[in-house]
Amino acid sequence: MLATQLDDHNNGAQIAAQQHLSRFHFDRIMTSVAGETPGKFRRRILLERAAYRLLTCGRPVLEIAVEAGYASHEAFSRAFLRAYGVPPTAWRDAPRRIQIDSPNGVHFHPPGSLRLPARTEVTSMDLLTGMVEHHIWLTGEMIERAARLTDAQLDAPITVSVDDNDKTLRRLLSRLVGQLDLWNHAIANQPYDFSVERHEDMAAMRQRFARTAPRFLAEVHDVVASGRLDETFVHAMRKPAGIFTYGGMIAHVLTFAGHTKTLVIMALKKDGMGDLPCWGDPMEWVTRQWLAESA
């Protein structure tokens, strides 16, 4: 109901009357259910939408302020500053998480709707979670095997006819770790230094993977378990900054890592490290995990 009222700019009494309730009873019902008054709920959602508008369109701040129900640039800036810690113009230059903390988990969801908290729990056997767990496991196994090779083997060119980028086993493995590290940094609104991937020492790579992989996997577990795959976050370090869903980010990681992992497995096999079962096939890995848990 309140989602349909975002752009009507009716006052609380008018909204209550539409529901055939007094303002007092309407406010009391909504506060008991949502944990915040209808007015506060609506202002928060409109501010979240305004933050999204600041990032995704080039409209002046005043136009976005008026759309959010504010009569002046100054009033909007004060409200935005209280909610996000910075004024709208500064947030547009260095955006952060769009969602404002709330007691009910209801947030603005682009392009123009609300995201409600999940009603059902997603178990750890969820397919997407299992795919990420397999990806983490396989990357670690490949790093362990690569650590036994010489620098010459690690840095030998890997040639693919449709891909003319200079690739080596070392760089491919560093990219797999870096992909996880990059998104950890993006979610935390921190810059990522790509230079670490240029010629990463294997010992340093193993240490970085040991830090990065559990953090990424914990984020995936939390997002899946709380039903937040469609929740968005701001990748402020990207130029231009972008808004992505957690589900889209996870799919991106698994899709683009698939090609890289295949090249690594082929290179390891060429160098005598061909002991990964079934080329690291996730189907076999999931089956072994299921059997181990059933034992």
Foldseek 3Di string as FASTA:
>chain_A
DLLVCLQVLDDQQVVQVVVVHGSVVQQVVCCVQFVHGSVVVSLQQLQLQLLVCLQPDDDDSQVSCVSRPDPGLVVNQVVNCVQPVHGSVVCSLFPWFSHGDGPFQWHAFPPRGIDGWDPDFDDCVPPLLLLLVLLLVLLLVLLVLCLPDDPCLQQPFQDDPVDPDGDGLQLLSLVLLLLLVLVLCQNVSHDDDPVCSPHPDSVVSNVSSVVRSVSSSVVVNVCRRGVQQSRWIWRVNDVNIDIDGNVVSSVVSSVVNVVSLQSSQVSSVVVVNNPDPPSSDSVVVSVVVVVVVVD
